[in-house]
Amino acid sequence: MPQSTWDPFDGLSDAQVEQLSAYESLLEQFNRRVNLVSPESAQRMWNEHIRHSLCLTRRSFPAGSSIVDWGTGGGLPAIPLAIAFPDITVYAVDSVGKKVRAVRTFARRLELENVFAWNGRAEEWTGSAHFSVSRATAPLADLWSWHERIVAPIDADSSDHWPPGLICLKGGDLSVEIQELHHEADGVAVVEEGIYPLLKNDHFREKKIVAVTRPPSPSGDQ
């Protein structure tokens, strides 16, 4: 029996889809002045950027938890996740001031009270979060080092939730990145899930969801 296609929009309310549509319009409008997404993909914003970001709704984040989006750019995946999970807090970090200002404008116009944008280098962010997310921002070793520096402990033992750690969207052959990650962070676990088998969309043939976690030690300590 063929596997049914998963659509991340199916679990959203009409109001959430309307918010995402408004966000798409804002992205298109601001992208003419600020380089938030590549010009080649700007005409395919809904599928290549918003749907892609929503692949991180494959599992949920616990209510009351916080996530940090490293290198948020135009708010991807920060804004879609904040819309999909209104009961979490999302920190959007980027070193480019004009992008952070755009994200702040998006959050204000979309009336998202759970999004906080910060301008600066990832290594300098002084906040904390339970989860880290990213979309094609940096090598896994860098992303993990940023995550471990700011991570706050959380009990997320439900199979419906992401395990505490780094959840990111990547593409292509990640063998070298994963090898470098294991060299820098011994003992971490890496799980890759292809997006194409979920969405059956040709754009996502090489795209993956990558989850990096540090399993508890035998004593129960992290």
Foldseek 3Di string as FASTA:
>chain_A
DADDAAFLCVPDDPLLVVLVVVLLVLCLVCCVPPVQDDPVCNVVCVVPFLRLLSVVVQFAADFAFEEEEAACRQNRPNVSNCSRRVRYAYEYEHQDPVSLVNNVVSCVVSVRPRYHYDHRHLVPDPEAGQEYEYEPDDQPLVSQVSNVVRHDDDDDPDPRHDDGYYKYKDFDDCVVSVVVNCVNPPQKDKDKDQCCSRHVDVVRRGMIIIGIGHDADPVRHD
